[in-house]
């Protein structure tokens, strides 16, 4: 007999959803965005083909992280609805928890139903047919009669003459190449 571990999406008392998401992300070593998918409003199967002992280990570790879980008998899960699936609430030590092997799928997603959208009132135009009538934009009448151009080479602004700052550098000198310019004894 094999079992599956199912996350119900319920938050255990004393935990917030944010705490549970962070705890599960740390437990599964995944990003929080991945774990947020566990709270989609439907039970999520995260591991299948477990014996009862390993299923109980998963359940204990996930419960300790603050998330509701149930153990589902796999033969019954395919034949019964999730409301009537046999659930074993016993738990074992969370220290015995083991992780899925690398590359193993731990989340089973159920595909949503295809939406039923009525498109009978829609139609398609022929190729090349204009489907939007262009809107005529009224011509803008701007009076430019008082604007003229200066002749080529004209100066449009007056030059501002900046006087030489007249800085006295007569007391400055240059040292010989390689000489020390800072007195390091001070």
N, C-alpha and C. Protein backbone atom coordinates (compact mmCIF):
# COMPACT_ATOMS: atom_id res chain seq x y z
N UNK A 1 0.85 -1.18 0.00
CA UNK A 1 0.00 0.00 0.00
C UNK A 1 0.89 1.23 0.00
N UNK A 2 0.62 2.19 -0.88
CA UNK A 2 1.39 3.43 -0.92
C UNK A 2 0.49 4.61 -0.56
N UNK A 3 1.14 5.69 -0.12
CA UNK A 3 0.42 6.86 0.36
C UNK A 3 0.98 8.12 -0.29
N UNK A 4 0.16 9.15 -0.31
CA UNK A 4 0.57 10.46 -0.80
C UNK A 4 0.42 11.45 0.34
N UNK A 5 1.30 12.45 0.37
CA UNK A 5 1.18 13.51 1.36
C UNK A 5 0.58 14.71 0.64
N UNK A 6 -0.48 15.27 1.25
CA UNK A 6 -1.25 16.34 0.63
C UNK A 6 -1.22 17.57 1.55
N UNK A 7 -0.88 18.71 0.98
CA UNK A 7 -0.98 19.97 1.73
C UNK A 7 -2.39 20.49 1.51
N UNK A 8 -3.10 20.70 2.63
CA UNK A 8 -4.51 21.13 2.54
C UNK A 8 -4.65 22.62 2.32
N UNK A 9 -3.61 23.37 2.63
CA UNK A 9 -3.69 24.83 2.51
C UNK A 9 -4.15 25.50 3.78
N UNK A 10 -4.47 24.71 4.81
CA UNK A 10 -4.90 25.28 6.09
C UNK A 10 -3.67 25.70 6.88
N UNK A 11 -3.80 26.78 7.63
CA UNK A 11 -2.72 27.28 8.48
C UNK A 11 -2.98 26.79 9.90
N UNK A 12 -1.98 26.16 10.51
CA UNK A 12 -2.13 25.66 11.88
C UNK A 12 -2.24 26.83 12.86
N UNK A 13 -2.96 26.64 13.99
CA UNK A 13 -3.09 27.70 14.98
C UNK A 13 -1.72 28.19 15.46
N UNK A 14 -1.62 29.51 15.65
CA UNK A 14 -0.37 30.10 16.12
C UNK A 14 0.58 30.51 14.99
N UNK A 15 0.19 30.30 13.74
CA UNK A 15 1.02 30.66 12.60
C UNK A 15 0.26 31.62 11.70
N UNK A 16 1.00 32.44 10.97
CA UNK A 16 0.41 33.26 9.90
C UNK A 16 0.79 32.61 8.58
N UNK A 17 0.06 32.96 7.51
CA UNK A 17 0.36 32.38 6.21
C UNK A 17 1.78 32.75 5.78
N UNK A 18 2.21 33.97 6.06
CA UNK A 18 3.56 34.39 5.68
C UNK A 18 4.62 33.55 6.40
N UNK A 19 4.39 33.26 7.70
CA UNK A 19 5.33 32.42 8.45
C UNK A 19 5.39 31.02 7.85
N UNK A 20 4.22 30.48 7.53
CA UNK A 20 4.15 29.12 6.98
C UNK A 20 4.87 29.06 5.63
N UNK A 21 4.66 30.06 4.77
CA UNK A 21 5.32 30.09 3.47
C UNK A 21 6.83 30.14 3.65
N UNK A 22 7.31 30.99 4.55
CA UNK A 22 8.75 31.07 4.81
C UNK A 22 9.30 29.77 5.38
N UNK A 23 8.55 29.15 6.31
CA UNK A 23 8.98 27.88 6.92
C UNK A 23 9.07 26.77 5.87
N UNK A 24 8.04 26.69 5.01
CA UNK A 24 8.04 25.64 3.98
C UNK A 24 9.13 25.89 2.94
N UNK A 25 9.38 27.16 2.61
CA UNK A 25 10.45 27.48 1.65
C UNK A 25 11.79 27.02 2.20
N UNK A 26 12.00 27.24 3.50
CA UNK A 26 13.25 26.79 4.12
C UNK A 26 13.30 25.26 4.19
N UNK A 27 12.17 24.64 4.50
CA UNK A 27 12.11 23.18 4.62
C UNK A 27 12.41 22.50 3.28
N UNK A 28 11.80 23.01 2.21
CA UNK A 28 11.97 22.40 0.88
C UNK A 28 13.13 23.01 0.10
N UNK A 29 13.80 24.03 0.68
CA UNK A 29 14.91 24.72 0.03
C UNK A 29 14.47 25.25 -1.34
N UNK A 30 13.35 25.97 -1.34
CA UNK A 30 12.78 26.57 -2.55
C UNK A 30 12.52 28.04 -2.29
N UNK A 31 12.28 28.80 -3.36
CA UNK A 31 11.90 30.21 -3.24
C UNK A 31 10.48 30.29 -2.68
N UNK A 32 10.17 31.40 -2.00
CA UNK A 32 8.82 31.57 -1.44
C UNK A 32 7.77 31.61 -2.55
N UNK A 33 8.12 32.12 -3.73
CA UNK A 33 7.16 32.16 -4.84
C UNK A 33 6.72 30.75 -5.25
N UNK A 34 7.61 29.77 -5.13
CA UNK A 34 7.27 28.39 -5.43
C UNK A 34 6.30 27.85 -4.39
N UNK A 35 6.56 28.14 -3.11
CA UNK A 35 5.74 27.61 -2.02
C UNK A 35 4.36 28.27 -2.00
N UNK A 36 4.25 29.52 -2.45
CA UNK A 36 2.95 30.20 -2.48
C UNK A 36 1.93 29.43 -3.31
N UNK A 37 2.40 28.63 -4.28
CA UNK A 37 1.50 27.82 -5.11
C UNK A 37 0.78 26.75 -4.30
N UNK A 38 1.31 26.40 -3.12
CA UNK A 38 0.64 25.40 -2.28
C UNK A 38 -0.68 25.93 -1.73
N UNK A 39 -0.86 27.25 -1.72
CA UNK A 39 -2.05 27.86 -1.13
C UNK A 39 -2.97 28.39 -2.23
N UNK A 40 -3.30 27.51 -3.17
CA UNK A 40 -4.11 27.88 -4.33
C UNK A 40 -5.59 27.67 -4.08
N UNK A 41 -5.98 27.21 -2.91
CA UNK A 41 -7.38 26.98 -2.60
C UNK A 41 -7.80 25.52 -2.76
N UNK A 42 -6.92 24.69 -3.27
CA UNK A 42 -7.21 23.26 -3.45
C UNK A 42 -6.08 22.46 -2.80
N UNK A 43 -6.36 21.23 -2.37
CA UNK A 43 -5.30 20.38 -1.82
C UNK A 43 -4.22 20.14 -2.88
N UNK A 44 -2.96 20.14 -2.47
CA UNK A 44 -1.84 19.94 -3.39
C UNK A 44 -1.05 18.71 -2.95
N UNK A 45 -0.92 17.75 -3.84
CA UNK A 45 -0.12 16.55 -3.58
C UNK A 45 1.34 16.93 -3.77
N UNK A 46 2.16 16.77 -2.73
CA UNK A 46 3.57 17.14 -2.87
C UNK A 46 4.49 15.93 -2.95
N UNK A 47 4.01 14.76 -2.60
CA UNK A 47 4.83 13.55 -2.69
C UNK A 47 3.93 12.35 -2.79
N UNK A 48 4.26 11.42 -3.66
CA UNK A 48 3.49 10.20 -3.86
C UNK A 48 4.38 8.98 -3.59
N UNK A 49 3.75 7.82 -3.64
CA UNK A 49 4.45 6.53 -3.51
C UNK A 49 5.29 6.42 -2.24
N UNK A 50 4.71 6.81 -1.12
CA UNK A 50 5.40 6.72 0.16
C UNK A 50 4.83 5.57 0.97
N UNK A 51 5.68 4.93 1.79
CA UNK A 51 5.14 4.00 2.77
C UNK A 51 4.61 4.83 3.93
N UNK A 52 3.87 4.22 4.83
CA UNK A 52 3.21 4.97 5.92
C UNK A 52 4.23 5.68 6.80
N UNK A 53 5.34 5.05 7.10
CA UNK A 53 6.34 5.65 7.98
C UNK A 53 6.90 6.94 7.37
N UNK A 54 7.27 6.91 6.10
CA UNK A 54 7.79 8.12 5.45
C UNK A 54 6.71 9.18 5.28
N UNK A 55 5.49 8.76 5.00
CA UNK A 55 4.39 9.73 4.89
C UNK A 55 4.19 10.44 6.22
N UNK A 56 4.28 9.70 7.32
CA UNK A 56 4.14 10.31 8.65
C UNK A 56 5.29 11.28 8.94
N UNK A 57 6.49 10.97 8.47
CA UNK A 57 7.62 11.87 8.65
C UNK A 57 7.37 13.19 7.91
N UNK A 58 6.92 13.09 6.67
CA UNK A 58 6.59 14.31 5.90
C UNK A 58 5.51 15.11 6.62
N UNK A 59 4.47 14.41 7.05
CA UNK A 59 3.36 15.09 7.71
C UNK A 59 3.83 15.81 8.97
N UNK A 60 4.67 15.20 9.75
CA UNK A 60 5.15 15.81 10.98
C UNK A 60 5.99 17.05 10.69
N UNK A 61 6.87 16.96 9.72
CA UNK A 61 7.74 18.10 9.40
C UNK A 61 6.93 19.27 8.85
N UNK A 62 5.98 18.99 7.98
CA UNK A 62 5.16 20.06 7.39
C UNK A 62 4.24 20.65 8.43
N UNK A 63 3.70 19.82 9.31
CA UNK A 63 2.85 20.31 10.40
C UNK A 63 3.64 21.20 11.34
N UNK A 64 4.89 20.84 11.62
CA UNK A 64 5.75 21.65 12.48
C UNK A 64 6.03 23.02 11.84
N UNK A 65 6.03 23.06 10.51
CA UNK A 65 6.23 24.33 9.78
C UNK A 65 4.97 25.19 9.81
N UNK A 66 3.84 24.60 10.28
CA UNK A 66 2.62 25.39 10.45
C UNK A 66 1.56 25.15 9.40
N UNK A 67 1.72 24.13 8.58
CA UNK A 67 0.78 23.90 7.48
C UNK A 67 -0.01 22.62 7.71
N UNK A 68 -1.30 22.65 7.38
CA UNK A 68 -2.15 21.47 7.49
C UNK A 68 -1.84 20.46 6.39
N UNK A 69 -1.77 19.19 6.77
CA UNK A 69 -1.50 18.12 5.80
C UNK A 69 -2.42 16.94 6.08
N UNK A 70 -2.48 16.06 5.12
CA UNK A 70 -3.15 14.79 5.35
C UNK A 70 -2.44 13.72 4.54
N UNK A 71 -2.54 12.50 5.05
CA UNK A 71 -1.96 11.36 4.36
C UNK A 71 -3.11 10.65 3.65
N UNK A 72 -2.93 10.42 2.36
CA UNK A 72 -3.99 9.84 1.54
C UNK A 72 -3.52 8.51 0.99
N UNK A 73 -4.37 7.51 1.14
CA UNK A 73 -4.07 6.20 0.57
C UNK A 73 -4.19 6.33 -0.95
N UNK A 74 -3.14 5.99 -1.68
CA UNK A 74 -3.12 6.27 -3.12
C UNK A 74 -4.17 5.49 -3.89
N UNK A 75 -4.41 4.26 -3.57
CA UNK A 75 -5.45 3.51 -4.27
C UNK A 75 -6.81 4.15 -4.07
N UNK A 76 -7.07 4.63 -2.87
CA UNK A 76 -8.34 5.27 -2.55
C UNK A 76 -8.41 6.66 -3.18
N UNK A 77 -7.28 7.34 -3.31
CA UNK A 77 -7.27 8.69 -3.84
C UNK A 77 -7.74 8.74 -5.28
N UNK A 78 -7.43 7.72 -6.06
CA UNK A 78 -7.84 7.73 -7.45
C UNK A 78 -9.29 7.30 -7.62
N UNK A 79 -9.87 6.64 -6.61
CA UNK A 79 -11.23 6.15 -6.73
C UNK A 79 -12.24 7.01 -5.98
N UNK A 80 -11.82 7.77 -4.97
CA UNK A 80 -12.74 8.52 -4.13
C UNK A 80 -12.48 10.00 -4.27
N UNK A 81 -13.45 10.81 -3.86
CA UNK A 81 -13.24 12.25 -3.83
C UNK A 81 -12.37 12.58 -2.63
N UNK A 82 -11.76 13.78 -2.63
CA UNK A 82 -10.86 14.13 -1.53
C UNK A 82 -11.59 14.28 -0.21
N UNK A 83 -12.93 14.44 -0.23
CA UNK A 83 -13.69 14.56 1.02
C UNK A 83 -13.81 13.22 1.74
N UNK A 84 -13.77 12.13 1.00
CA UNK A 84 -13.97 10.82 1.63
C UNK A 84 -12.71 9.98 1.66
N UNK A 85 -11.56 10.59 1.34
CA UNK A 85 -10.31 9.85 1.35
C UNK A 85 -9.91 9.51 2.78
N UNK A 86 -9.41 8.30 2.97
CA UNK A 86 -8.97 7.86 4.29
C UNK A 86 -7.75 8.67 4.71
N UNK A 87 -7.78 9.24 5.90
CA UNK A 87 -6.70 10.08 6.39
C UNK A 87 -6.18 9.52 7.70
N UNK A 88 -4.86 9.44 7.82
CA UNK A 88 -4.23 8.98 9.04
C UNK A 88 -3.58 10.19 9.70
N UNK A 89 -4.01 10.59 10.88
CA UNK A 89 -3.52 11.80 11.54
C UNK A 89 -2.33 11.54 12.46
N UNK A 90 -1.81 10.32 12.53
CA UNK A 90 -0.68 10.06 13.42
C UNK A 90 0.56 10.72 12.88
N UNK A 91 1.45 11.11 13.78
CA UNK A 91 2.69 11.79 13.37
C UNK A 91 3.87 11.13 14.04
N UNK A 92 5.06 11.38 13.48
CA UNK A 92 6.29 10.90 14.10
C UNK A 92 7.22 12.08 14.24
N UNK A 93 8.42 11.82 14.70
CA UNK A 93 9.39 12.88 14.96
C UNK A 93 9.78 13.61 13.68
N UNK A 94 9.78 14.95 13.68
CA UNK A 94 10.17 15.69 12.48
C UNK A 94 11.65 15.57 12.18
N UNK A 95 12.45 15.06 13.12
CA UNK A 95 13.87 14.90 12.87
C UNK A 95 14.16 13.78 11.88
N UNK A 96 13.18 12.91 11.64
CA UNK A 96 13.34 11.80 10.70
C UNK A 96 12.96 12.19 9.28
N UNK A 97 12.71 13.45 9.05
CA UNK A 97 12.24 13.95 7.75
C UNK A 97 13.33 13.79 6.68
N UNK A 98 12.92 13.35 5.49
CA UNK A 98 13.85 13.26 4.36
C UNK A 98 13.29 14.06 3.20
N UNK A 99 14.16 14.57 2.35
CA UNK A 99 13.75 15.40 1.22
C UNK A 99 13.66 14.54 -0.04
N UNK A 100 12.95 15.06 -1.03
CA UNK A 100 12.84 14.39 -2.31
C UNK A 100 14.20 14.38 -2.99
N UNK A 101 14.41 13.40 -3.85
CA UNK A 101 15.65 13.31 -4.61
C UNK A 101 15.72 14.48 -5.60
N UNK A 102 16.93 14.86 -5.99
CA UNK A 102 17.12 15.96 -6.94
C UNK A 102 16.41 15.62 -8.25
N UNK A 103 15.68 16.59 -8.76
CA UNK A 103 14.97 16.42 -10.03
C UNK A 103 13.61 15.78 -9.91
N UNK A 104 13.24 15.29 -8.73
CA UNK A 104 11.95 14.64 -8.55
C UNK A 104 10.85 15.69 -8.41
N UNK A 105 9.74 15.48 -9.07
CA UNK A 105 8.62 16.41 -8.98
C UNK A 105 7.91 16.21 -7.65
N UNK A 106 7.77 17.29 -6.87
CA UNK A 106 7.12 17.16 -5.57
C UNK A 106 5.76 17.83 -5.55
N UNK A 107 5.40 18.52 -6.61
CA UNK A 107 4.10 19.17 -6.65
C UNK A 107 3.34 18.67 -7.86
N UNK A 108 2.12 18.23 -7.64
CA UNK A 108 1.27 17.78 -8.73
C UNK A 108 0.18 18.84 -8.93
N UNK A 109 0.19 19.48 -10.08
CA UNK A 109 -0.77 20.52 -10.37
C UNK A 109 -1.96 19.94 -11.12
N UNK A 110 -3.14 20.37 -10.72
CA UNK A 110 -4.34 19.98 -11.44
C UNK A 110 -4.65 21.07 -12.45
N UNK A 111 -4.87 20.69 -13.69
CA UNK A 111 -5.16 21.67 -14.74
C UNK A 111 -6.58 22.20 -14.52
N UNK A 112 -6.76 23.51 -14.61
CA UNK A 112 -8.10 24.07 -14.47
C UNK A 112 -8.94 23.72 -15.70
N UNK A 113 -10.26 23.78 -15.51
CA UNK A 113 -11.15 23.51 -16.63
C UNK A 113 -10.97 24.58 -17.68
N UNK A 114 -11.13 24.18 -18.94
CA UNK A 114 -11.04 25.14 -20.03
C UNK A 114 -12.25 26.07 -19.96
N UNK A 115 -12.05 27.37 -20.04
CA UNK A 115 -13.19 28.28 -19.92
C UNK A 115 -14.13 28.16 -21.11
N UNK A 116 -15.40 28.34 -20.85
CA UNK A 116 -16.40 28.31 -21.90
C UNK A 116 -16.77 29.75 -22.24
N UNK A 117 -16.22 30.25 -23.34
CA UNK A 117 -16.44 31.63 -23.74
C UNK A 117 -17.24 31.63 -25.04
N UNK A 118 -18.36 32.35 -25.03
CA UNK A 118 -19.21 32.43 -26.21
C UNK A 118 -18.64 33.47 -27.17
N UNK A 119 -18.16 33.01 -28.33
CA UNK A 119 -17.62 33.93 -29.33
C UNK A 119 -18.48 33.92 -30.60
N UNK A 120 -19.72 33.44 -30.49
CA UNK A 120 -20.58 33.34 -31.67
C UNK A 120 -20.94 34.70 -32.25
N UNK A 121 -20.88 35.76 -31.45
CA UNK A 121 -21.23 37.09 -31.96
C UNK A 121 -20.05 37.80 -32.62
N UNK A 122 -18.87 37.19 -32.59
CA UNK A 122 -17.69 37.81 -33.19
C UNK A 122 -17.54 37.39 -34.64
N UNK A 123 -16.98 38.28 -35.45
CA UNK A 123 -16.72 37.96 -36.86
C UNK A 123 -15.37 38.55 -37.25
N UNK A 124 -14.86 38.12 -38.40
CA UNK A 124 -13.57 38.62 -38.88
C UNK A 124 -13.79 39.35 -40.19
N UNK A 125 -13.06 40.44 -40.36
CA UNK A 125 -13.11 41.19 -41.61
C UNK A 125 -12.24 40.49 -42.64
N UNK A 126 -12.48 40.82 -43.91
CA UNK A 126 -11.67 40.26 -44.98
C UNK A 126 -10.27 40.82 -44.90
N UNK A 127 -9.32 40.09 -45.47
CA UNK A 127 -7.92 40.55 -45.47
C UNK A 127 -7.82 41.86 -46.24
N UNK A 128 -7.15 42.83 -45.68
CA UNK A 128 -6.95 44.12 -46.33
C UNK A 128 -8.07 45.11 -46.09
N UNK A 129 -9.15 44.68 -45.47
CA UNK A 129 -10.28 45.59 -45.22
C UNK A 129 -9.94 46.53 -44.07
N UNK A 130 -10.29 47.79 -44.24
CA UNK A 130 -10.02 48.78 -43.20
C UNK A 130 -11.08 48.63 -42.12
N UNK A 131 -10.63 48.40 -40.88
CA UNK A 131 -11.60 48.15 -39.80
C UNK A 131 -11.81 49.37 -38.91
N UNK A 132 -10.92 50.36 -39.02
CA UNK A 132 -11.09 51.59 -38.24
C UNK A 132 -11.09 52.75 -39.22
N UNK A 133 -12.14 53.57 -39.17
CA UNK A 133 -12.20 54.74 -40.04
C UNK A 133 -11.27 55.81 -39.50
N UNK A 134 -10.42 56.36 -40.38
CA UNK A 134 -9.50 57.39 -39.89
C UNK A 134 -10.25 58.65 -39.49
N UNK A 135 -9.75 59.31 -38.48
CA UNK A 135 -10.34 60.56 -38.01
C UNK A 135 -9.57 61.70 -38.65
N UNK A 136 -10.29 62.60 -39.30
CA UNK A 136 -9.64 63.73 -39.94
C UNK A 136 -9.23 64.73 -38.87
N UNK A 137 -7.95 65.09 -38.88
CA UNK A 137 -7.43 66.06 -37.91
C UNK A 137 -7.54 67.43 -38.56
N UNK A 138 -8.18 68.40 -37.86
CA UNK A 138 -8.33 69.73 -38.47
C UNK A 138 -6.96 70.40 -38.62
N UNK A 139 -6.82 71.17 -39.71
CA UNK A 139 -5.57 71.86 -39.99
C UNK A 139 -5.41 72.99 -38.97
N UNK A 140 -4.20 73.11 -38.43
CA UNK A 140 -3.92 74.14 -37.45
C UNK A 140 -3.43 75.38 -38.20
N UNK A 141 -4.02 76.53 -37.89
CA UNK A 141 -3.65 77.77 -38.55
C UNK A 141 -2.83 78.61 -37.55
N UNK A 142 -1.51 78.65 -37.76
CA UNK A 142 -0.62 79.39 -36.88
C UNK A 142 -0.12 80.62 -37.64
N UNK A 143 -0.27 81.78 -37.03
CA UNK A 143 0.16 83.04 -37.64
C UNK A 143 1.65 83.21 -37.43
N UNK A 144 2.44 83.15 -38.50
CA UNK A 144 3.90 83.34 -38.45
C UNK A 144 4.32 84.62 -39.16
N UNK A 145 3.40 85.55 -39.40
CA UNK A 145 3.71 86.76 -40.17
C UNK A 145 4.66 87.70 -39.44
N UNK A 146 4.71 87.63 -38.11
CA UNK A 146 5.59 88.53 -37.37
C UNK A 146 6.95 87.89 -37.04
N UNK A 147 7.26 86.75 -37.64
CA UNK A 147 8.52 86.07 -37.41
C UNK A 147 9.39 86.25 -38.65
N UNK A 148 10.67 86.63 -38.42
CA UNK A 148 11.59 86.73 -39.55
C UNK A 148 12.92 86.11 -39.16
N UNK A 149 13.78 85.93 -40.16
CA UNK A 149 15.09 85.32 -39.94
C UNK A 149 16.16 86.39 -40.08
N UNK A 150 17.17 86.31 -39.24
CA UNK A 150 18.31 87.22 -39.36
C UNK A 150 19.18 86.74 -40.51
N UNK A 151 19.91 87.68 -41.12
CA UNK A 151 20.81 87.27 -42.22
C UNK A 151 21.88 86.32 -41.71
N UNK A 152 22.41 85.51 -42.59
CA UNK A 152 23.45 84.56 -42.24
C UNK A 152 24.65 85.31 -41.67
N UNK A 153 25.23 84.82 -40.56
CA UNK A 153 26.38 85.44 -39.93
C UNK A 153 26.03 86.48 -38.89
N UNK A 154 24.75 86.79 -38.70
CA UNK A 154 24.35 87.78 -37.70
C UNK A 154 24.63 87.26 -36.31
N UNK A 155 24.96 88.18 -35.38
CA UNK A 155 25.16 87.84 -33.98
C UNK A 155 23.82 88.02 -33.28
N UNK A 156 23.33 86.96 -32.67
CA UNK A 156 22.01 87.01 -32.07
C UNK A 156 22.06 87.49 -30.62
N UNK A 157 23.21 87.31 -29.96
CA UNK A 157 23.35 87.79 -28.59
C UNK A 157 24.65 88.55 -28.48
N UNK A 158 24.72 89.45 -27.54
CA UNK A 158 25.94 90.20 -27.32
C UNK A 158 26.92 89.35 -26.53
N UNK A 159 28.23 89.48 -26.88
CA UNK A 159 29.26 88.74 -26.16
C UNK A 159 29.49 89.39 -24.82
N UNK A 160 29.65 88.57 -23.80
CA UNK A 160 30.00 89.08 -22.49
C UNK A 160 31.51 88.91 -22.34
N UNK A 161 32.19 90.01 -22.10
CA UNK A 161 33.64 89.96 -21.96
C UNK A 161 33.96 89.74 -20.49
N UNK A 162 34.73 88.69 -20.23
CA UNK A 162 35.15 88.37 -18.87
C UNK A 162 36.59 88.81 -18.73
N UNK A 163 36.85 89.65 -17.75
CA UNK A 163 38.20 90.16 -17.54
C UNK A 163 39.09 89.09 -16.95
N UNK A 164 40.40 89.20 -17.26
CA UNK A 164 41.40 88.29 -16.74
C UNK A 164 41.44 88.44 -15.21
N UNK A 165 41.47 87.36 -14.43
CA UNK A 165 41.40 87.47 -12.97
C UNK A 165 42.66 88.08 -12.33
N UNK A 166 43.75 88.22 -13.04
CA UNK A 166 44.97 88.84 -12.55
C UNK A 166 45.45 88.21 -11.23
N UNK A 167 45.87 86.96 -11.30
CA UNK A 167 46.35 86.21 -10.13
C UNK A 167 47.87 86.32 -10.08
N UNK A 168 48.40 86.71 -8.92
CA UNK A 168 49.84 86.87 -8.73
C UNK A 168 50.46 85.51 -8.38
N UNK A 169 51.32 84.99 -9.25
CA UNK A 169 51.99 83.71 -9.02
C UNK A 169 53.51 83.90 -8.91
N UNK A 170 53.93 85.14 -8.64
CA UNK A 170 55.36 85.44 -8.60
C UNK A 170 56.08 84.75 -7.43
N UNK A 171 55.38 84.40 -6.38
CA UNK A 171 56.01 83.75 -5.23
C UNK A 171 56.00 82.22 -5.32
N UNK A 172 55.56 81.67 -6.43
CA UNK A 172 55.55 80.22 -6.59
C UNK A 172 56.82 79.77 -7.29
N UNK A 173 57.30 78.58 -6.93
CA UNK A 173 58.48 78.03 -7.59
C UNK A 173 58.26 76.54 -7.81
N UNK A 174 59.13 75.95 -8.61
CA UNK A 174 59.01 74.52 -8.90
C UNK A 174 60.22 73.80 -8.34
N UNK A 175 60.01 72.63 -7.75
CA UNK A 175 61.12 71.83 -7.21
C UNK A 175 61.75 71.04 -8.33
N UNK A 176 62.97 70.55 -8.03
CA UNK A 176 63.67 69.71 -8.99
C UNK A 176 62.97 68.36 -9.09
N UNK A 177 63.11 67.70 -10.21
CA UNK A 177 62.52 66.38 -10.40
C UNK A 177 63.10 65.42 -9.37
N UNK A 178 62.25 64.68 -8.66
CA UNK A 178 62.67 63.69 -7.68
C UNK A 178 62.84 64.23 -6.28
N UNK A 179 62.72 65.54 -6.07
CA UNK A 179 62.88 66.07 -4.72
C UNK A 179 61.59 65.88 -3.93
N UNK A 180 61.75 65.80 -2.58
CA UNK A 180 60.58 65.65 -1.72
C UNK A 180 59.88 66.99 -1.59
N UNK A 181 58.62 67.00 -1.76
CA UNK A 181 57.89 68.28 -1.66
C UNK A 181 57.15 68.41 -0.34
N UNK A 182 57.07 67.33 0.41
CA UNK A 182 56.44 67.38 1.73
C UNK A 182 57.50 67.10 2.77
N UNK A 183 57.47 67.85 3.85
CA UNK A 183 58.42 67.63 4.95
C UNK A 183 57.82 66.53 5.83
N UNK A 184 58.39 65.34 5.79
CA UNK A 184 57.83 64.18 6.53
C UNK A 184 58.27 64.15 7.98
N UNK A 185 59.18 65.06 8.40
CA UNK A 185 59.62 65.07 9.79
C UNK A 185 58.60 65.69 10.73
N UNK A 186 57.69 66.43 10.23
CA UNK A 186 56.71 67.13 11.08
C UNK A 186 55.58 66.24 11.44
